[in-house]
Amino acid sequence: MLTRATTNAVAHRASSMRRMRRRAVNATRLYCATNGCTSFLVLDELGGVAHCEICGYTRRLG
């Protein structure tokens, strides 16, 4: 059984690794920024926005 401190440390490390993975991805492949959603955003270059087909998050580009 893990102690509370160990459990928190493991959860924090996992979220940090996800954050690093999102930052390291190529600029043309944007990750969704919502908590828990790990899908890529779909780019709409004419409208200047990117959106997530899973959760509906929308992000303005440029």
PDB file of N, CA and C in Angstrom:
ATOM      1  N   MET A   1       0.844  -1.178   0.000  1.00  0.00           N
ATOM      2  CA  MET A   1       0.000   0.000   0.000  1.00  0.00           C
ATOM      3  C   MET A   1       0.890   1.243   0.000  1.00  0.00           C
ATOM      4  N   LEU A   2       0.549   2.211  -0.808  1.00  0.00           N
ATOM      5  CA  LEU A   2       1.318   3.442  -0.904  1.00  0.00           C
ATOM      6  C   LEU A   2       0.836   4.447   0.141  1.00  0.00           C
ATOM      7  N   THR A   3       1.781   5.214   0.654  1.00  0.00           N
ATOM      8  CA  THR A   3       1.403   6.269   1.586  1.00  0.00           C
ATOM      9  C   THR A   3       0.774   7.418   0.809  1.00  0.00           C
ATOM     10  N   ARG A   4       0.168   8.324   1.513  1.00  0.00           N
ATOM     11  CA  ARG A   4      -0.475   9.472   0.861  1.00  0.00           C
ATOM     12  C   ARG A   4       0.553  10.328   0.111  1.00  0.00           C
ATOM     13  N   ALA A   5       1.730  10.531   0.717  1.00  0.00           N
ATOM     14  CA  ALA A   5       2.774  11.334   0.073  1.00  0.00           C
ATOM     15  C   ALA A   5       3.260  10.663  -1.209  1.00  0.00           C
ATOM     16  N   THR A   6       3.424   9.355  -1.169  1.00  0.00           N
ATOM     17  CA  THR A   6       3.878   8.631  -2.357  1.00  0.00           C
ATOM     18  C   THR A   6       2.834   8.691  -3.464  1.00  0.00           C
ATOM     19  N   THR A   7       1.574   8.528  -3.104  1.00  0.00           N
ATOM     20  CA  THR A   7       0.492   8.599  -4.076  1.00  0.00           C
ATOM     21  C   THR A   7       0.447   9.969  -4.738  1.00  0.00           C
ATOM     22  N   ASN A   8       0.565  11.023  -3.944  1.00  0.00           N
ATOM     23  CA  ASN A   8       0.566  12.383  -4.490  1.00  0.00           C
ATOM     24  C   ASN A   8       1.771  12.617  -5.394  1.00  0.00           C
ATOM     25  N   ALA A   9       2.928  12.097  -5.008  1.00  0.00           N
ATOM     26  CA  ALA A   9       4.139  12.263  -5.813  1.00  0.00           C
ATOM     27  C   ALA A   9       3.992  11.568  -7.164  1.00  0.00           C
ATOM     28  N   VAL A  10       3.403  10.377  -7.164  1.00  0.00           N
ATOM     29  CA  VAL A  10       3.209   9.641  -8.417  1.00  0.00           C
ATOM     30  C   VAL A  10       2.230  10.385  -9.326  1.00  0.00           C
ATOM     31  N   ALA A  11       1.154  10.898  -8.761  1.00  0.00           N
ATOM     32  CA  ALA A  11       0.170  11.639  -9.552  1.00  0.00           C
ATOM     33  C   ALA A  11       0.776  12.924 -10.117  1.00  0.00           C
ATOM     34  N   HIS A  12       1.572  13.619  -9.310  1.00  0.00           N
ATOM     35  CA  HIS A  12       2.211  14.853  -9.764  1.00  0.00           C
ATOM     36  C   HIS A  12       3.206  14.560 -10.878  1.00  0.00           C
ATOM     37  N   ARG A  13       3.974  13.506 -10.731  1.00  0.00           N
ATOM     38  CA  ARG A  13       4.946  13.137 -11.758  1.00  0.00           C
ATOM     39  C   ARG A  13       4.241  12.783 -13.068  1.00  0.00           C
ATOM     40  N   ALA A  14       3.141  12.059 -12.993  1.00  0.00           N
ATOM     41  CA  ALA A  14       2.399  11.686 -14.195  1.00  0.00           C
ATOM     42  C   ALA A  14       1.857  12.923 -14.915  1.00  0.00           C
ATOM     43  N   SER A  15       1.307  13.866 -14.173  1.00  0.00           N
ATOM     44  CA  SER A  15       0.783  15.071 -14.808  1.00  0.00           C
ATOM     45  C   SER A  15       1.919  15.917 -15.390  1.00  0.00           C
ATOM     46  N   SER A  16       3.069  15.934 -14.732  1.00  0.00           N
ATOM     47  CA  SER A  16       4.224  16.661 -15.262  1.00  0.00           C
ATOM     48  C   SER A  16       4.716  16.039 -16.560  1.00  0.00           C
ATOM     49  N   MET A  17       4.712  14.720 -16.624  1.00  0.00           N
ATOM     50  CA  MET A  17       5.149  14.039 -17.843  1.00  0.00           C
ATOM     51  C   MET A  17       4.187  14.312 -18.995  1.00  0.00           C
ATOM     52  N   ARG A  18       2.872  14.332 -18.711  1.00  0.00           N
ATOM     53  CA  ARG A  18       1.899  14.664 -19.750  1.00  0.00           C
ATOM     54  C   ARG A  18       2.112  16.089 -20.249  1.00  0.00           C
ATOM     55  N   ARG A  19       2.379  17.015 -19.322  1.00  0.00           N
ATOM     56  CA  ARG A  19       2.610  18.408 -19.683  1.00  0.00           C
ATOM     57  C   ARG A  19       3.847  18.530 -20.572  1.00  0.00           C
ATOM     58  N   MET A  20       4.924  17.836 -20.225  1.00  0.00           N
ATOM     59  CA  MET A  20       6.146  17.879 -21.025  1.00  0.00           C
ATOM     60  C   MET A  20       5.905  17.301 -22.415  1.00  0.00           C
ATOM     61  N   ARG A  21       5.127  16.222 -22.500  1.00  0.00           N
ATOM     62  CA  ARG A  21       4.830  15.610 -23.780  1.00  0.00           C
ATOM     63  C   ARG A  21       4.059  16.581 -24.676  1.00  0.00           C
ATOM     64  N   ARG A  22       3.129  17.325 -24.093  1.00  0.00           N
ATOM     65  CA  ARG A  22       2.358  18.300 -24.863  1.00  0.00           C
ATOM     66  C   ARG A  22       3.239  19.422 -25.376  1.00  0.00           C
ATOM     67  N   ARG A  23       4.201  19.871 -24.558  1.00  0.00           N
ATOM     68  CA  ARG A  23       5.078  20.965 -24.975  1.00  0.00           C
ATOM     69  C   ARG A  23       6.079  20.523 -26.030  1.00  0.00           C
ATOM     70  N   ALA A  24       6.460  19.261 -26.014  1.00  0.00           N
ATOM     71  CA  ALA A  24       7.496  18.767 -26.914  1.00  0.00           C
ATOM     72  C   ALA A  24       6.957  18.415 -28.291  1.00  0.00           C
ATOM     73  N   VAL A  25       5.660  18.330 -28.438  1.00  0.00           N
ATOM     74  CA  VAL A  25       5.082  17.912 -29.717  1.00  0.00           C
ATOM     75  C   VAL A  25       5.320  18.994 -30.771  1.00  0.00           C
ATOM     76  N   ASN A  26       5.420  18.570 -32.000  1.00  0.00           N
ATOM     77  CA  ASN A  26       5.644  19.473 -33.119  1.00  0.00           C
ATOM     78  C   ASN A  26       4.554  20.556 -33.152  1.00  0.00           C
ATOM     79  N   ALA A  27       4.910  21.759 -33.571  1.00  0.00           N
ATOM     80  CA  ALA A  27       3.989  22.896 -33.555  1.00  0.00           C
ATOM     81  C   ALA A  27       2.776  22.694 -34.467  1.00  0.00           C
ATOM     82  N   THR A  28       2.903  21.843 -35.475  1.00  0.00           N
ATOM     83  CA  THR A  28       1.776  21.617 -36.359  1.00  0.00           C
ATOM     84  C   THR A  28       0.776  20.634 -35.774  1.00  0.00           C
ATOM     85  N   ARG A  29       1.144  19.915 -34.732  1.00  0.00           N
ATOM     86  CA  ARG A  29       0.258  18.946 -34.090  1.00  0.00           C
ATOM     87  C   ARG A  29      -0.086  19.435 -32.690  1.00  0.00           C
ATOM     88  N   LEU A  30      -1.132  20.210 -32.559  1.00  0.00           N
ATOM     89  CA  LEU A  30      -1.517  20.794 -31.275  1.00  0.00           C
ATOM     90  C   LEU A  30      -2.321  19.803 -30.445  1.00  0.00           C
ATOM     91  N   TYR A  31      -1.976  19.698 -29.167  1.00  0.00           N
ATOM     92  CA  TYR A  31      -2.751  18.888 -28.233  1.00  0.00           C
ATOM     93  C   TYR A  31      -3.900  19.716 -27.669  1.00  0.00           C
ATOM     94  N   CYS A  32      -4.959  19.041 -27.297  1.00  0.00           N
ATOM     95  CA  CYS A  32      -6.067  19.692 -26.605  1.00  0.00           C
ATOM     96  C   CYS A  32      -5.582  20.109 -25.215  1.00  0.00           C
ATOM     97  N   ALA A  33      -5.968  21.274 -24.757  1.00  0.00           N
ATOM     98  CA  ALA A  33      -5.456  21.800 -23.495  1.00  0.00           C
ATOM     99  C   ALA A  33      -6.367  21.530 -22.302  1.00  0.00           C
ATOM    100  N   THR A  34      -7.465  20.837 -22.501  1.00  0.00           N
ATOM    101  CA  THR A  34      -8.357  20.593 -21.379  1.00  0.00           C
ATOM    102  C   THR A  34      -7.830  19.463 -20.515  1.00  0.00           C
ATOM    103  N   ASN A  35      -8.226  19.440 -19.280  1.00  0.00           N
ATOM    104  CA  ASN A  35      -7.739  18.445 -18.329  1.00  0.00           C
ATOM    105  C   ASN A  35      -8.277  17.058 -18.666  1.00  0.00           C
ATOM    106  N   GLY A  36      -7.372  16.124 -18.898  1.00  0.00           N
ATOM    107  CA  GLY A  36      -7.759  14.752 -19.154  1.00  0.00           C
ATOM    108  C   GLY A  36      -7.983  14.404 -20.611  1.00  0.00           C
ATOM    109  N   CYS A  37      -8.075  15.372 -21.476  1.00  0.00           N
ATOM    110  CA  CYS A  37      -8.276  15.111 -22.897  1.00  0.00           C
ATOM    111  C   CYS A  37      -6.919  15.088 -23.587  1.00  0.00           C
ATOM    112  N   THR A  38      -6.579  13.969 -24.201  1.00  0.00           N
ATOM    113  CA  THR A  38      -5.256  13.842 -24.818  1.00  0.00           C
ATOM    114  C   THR A  38      -5.329  13.738 -26.330  1.00  0.00           C
ATOM    115  N   SER A  39      -6.349  14.294 -26.930  1.00  0.00           N
ATOM    116  CA  SER A  39      -6.493  14.233 -28.381  1.00  0.00           C
ATOM    117  C   SER A  39      -5.793  15.427 -29.034  1.00  0.00           C
ATOM    118  N   PHE A  40      -5.606  15.342 -30.341  1.00  0.00           N
ATOM    119  CA  PHE A  40      -5.045  16.446 -31.102  1.00  0.00           C
ATOM    120  C   PHE A  40      -6.160  17.381 -31.550  1.00  0.00           C
ATOM    121  N   LEU A  41      -5.816  18.644 -31.706  1.00  0.00           N
ATOM    122  CA  LEU A  41      -6.763  19.623 -32.210  1.00  0.00           C
ATOM    123  C   LEU A  41      -6.793  19.572 -33.732  1.00  0.00           C
ATOM    124  N   VAL A  42      -7.959  19.812 -34.296  1.00  0.00           N
ATOM    125  CA  VAL A  42      -8.133  19.860 -35.744  1.00  0.00           C
ATOM    126  C   VAL A  42      -8.013  21.321 -36.168  1.00  0.00           C
ATOM    127  N   LEU A  43      -7.112  21.587 -37.110  1.00  0.00           N
ATOM    128  CA  LEU A  43      -6.841  22.954 -37.541  1.00  0.00           C
ATOM    129  C   LEU A  43      -7.819  23.411 -38.622  1.00  0.00           C
ATOM    130  N   ASP A  44      -8.286  24.639 -38.483  1.00  0.00           N
ATOM    131  CA  ASP A  44      -9.075  25.306 -39.516  1.00  0.00           C
ATOM    132  C   ASP A  44      -8.291  26.558 -39.889  1.00  0.00           C
ATOM    133  N   GLU A  45      -7.437  26.444 -40.914  1.00  0.00           N
ATOM    134  CA  GLU A  45      -6.522  27.532 -41.261  1.00  0.00           C
ATOM    135  C   GLU A  45      -7.248  28.758 -41.796  1.00  0.00           C
ATOM    136  N   LEU A  46      -8.364  28.578 -42.480  1.00  0.00           N
ATOM    137  CA  LEU A  46      -9.107  29.726 -43.007  1.00  0.00           C
ATOM    138  C   LEU A  46      -9.716  30.552 -41.887  1.00  0.00           C
ATOM    139  N   GLY A  47     -10.257  29.888 -40.885  1.00  0.00           N
ATOM    140  CA  GLY A  47     -10.871  30.582 -39.761  1.00  0.00           C
ATOM    141  C   GLY A  47      -9.878  30.989 -38.688  1.00  0.00           C
ATOM    142  N   GLY A  48      -8.678  30.408 -38.713  1.00  0.00           N
ATOM    143  CA  GLY A  48      -7.660  30.745 -37.724  1.00  0.00           C
ATOM    144  C   GLY A  48      -7.922  30.145 -36.356  1.00  0.00           C
ATOM    145  N   VAL A  49      -8.615  29.007 -36.309  1.00  0.00           N
ATOM    146  CA  VAL A  49      -8.907  28.361 -35.043  1.00  0.00           C
ATOM    147  C   VAL A  49      -8.566  26.873 -35.131  1.00  0.00           C
ATOM    148  N   ALA A  50      -8.424  26.264 -33.975  1.00  0.00           N
ATOM    149  CA  ALA A  50      -8.249  24.823 -33.873  1.00  0.00           C
ATOM    150  C   ALA A  50      -9.268  24.329 -32.856  1.00  0.00           C
ATOM    151  N   HIS A  51      -9.857  23.160 -33.102  1.00  0.00           N
ATOM    152  CA  HIS A  51     -10.861  22.654 -32.167  1.00  0.00           C
ATOM    153  C   HIS A  51     -10.656  21.164 -31.913  1.00  0.00           C
ATOM    154  N   CYS A  52     -11.143  20.721 -30.765  1.00  0.00           N
ATOM    155  CA  CYS A  52     -11.065  19.318 -30.364  1.00  0.00           C
ATOM    156  C   CYS A  52     -12.385  18.652 -30.716  1.00  0.00           C
ATOM    157  N   GLU A  53     -12.305  17.536 -31.436  1.00  0.00           N
ATOM    158  CA  GLU A  53     -13.522  16.822 -31.817  1.00  0.00           C
ATOM    159  C   GLU A  53     -14.091  16.005 -30.665  1.00  0.00           C
ATOM    160  N   ILE A  54     -13.300  15.759 -29.627  1.00  0.00           N
ATOM    161  CA  ILE A  54     -13.744  14.953 -28.494  1.00  0.00           C
ATOM    162  C   ILE A  54     -14.521  15.800 -27.479  1.00  0.00           C
ATOM    163  N   CYS A  55     -13.898  16.886 -27.003  1.00  0.00           N
ATOM    164  CA  CYS A  55     -14.526  17.656 -25.920  1.00  0.00           C
ATOM    165  C   CYS A  55     -15.080  19.011 -26.365  1.00  0.00           C
ATOM    166  N   GLY A  56     -14.747  19.451 -27.593  1.00  0.00           N
ATOM    167  CA  GLY A  56     -15.288  20.712 -28.087  1.00  0.00           C
ATOM    168  C   GLY A  56     -14.459  21.936 -27.774  1.00  0.00           C
ATOM    169  N   TYR A  57     -13.277  21.762 -27.174  1.00  0.00           N
ATOM    170  CA  TYR A  57     -12.389  22.896 -26.858  1.00  0.00           C
ATOM    171  C   TYR A  57     -11.998  23.615 -28.150  1.00  0.00           C
ATOM    172  N   THR A  58     -11.995  24.945 -28.135  1.00  0.00           N
ATOM    173  CA  THR A  58     -11.618  25.750 -29.293  1.00  0.00           C
ATOM    174  C   THR A  58     -10.495  26.698 -28.909  1.00  0.00           C
ATOM    175  N   ARG A  59      -9.519  26.828 -29.795  1.00  0.00           N
ATOM    176  CA  ARG A  59      -8.359  27.674 -29.523  1.00  0.00           C
ATOM    177  C   ARG A  59      -8.054  28.520 -30.755  1.00  0.00           C
ATOM    178  N   ARG A  60      -7.858  29.810 -30.547  1.00  0.00           N
ATOM    179  CA  ARG A  60      -7.487  30.725 -31.632  1.00  0.00           C
ATOM    180  C   ARG A  60      -6.015  30.572 -31.944  1.00  0.00           C
ATOM    181  N   LEU A  61      -5.671  30.626 -33.220  1.00  0.00           N
ATOM    182  CA  LEU A  61      -4.279  30.516 -33.652  1.00  0.00           C
ATOM    183  C   LEU A  61      -3.748  31.885 -34.047  1.00  0.00           C
ATOM    184  N   GLY A  62      -2.498  32.098 -33.690  1.00  0.00           N
ATOM    185  CA  GLY A  62      -1.802  33.325 -34.097  1.00  0.00           C
ATOM    186  C   GLY A  62      -2.301  34.509 -33.486  1.00  0.00           C
TER     187      GLY A  62
END
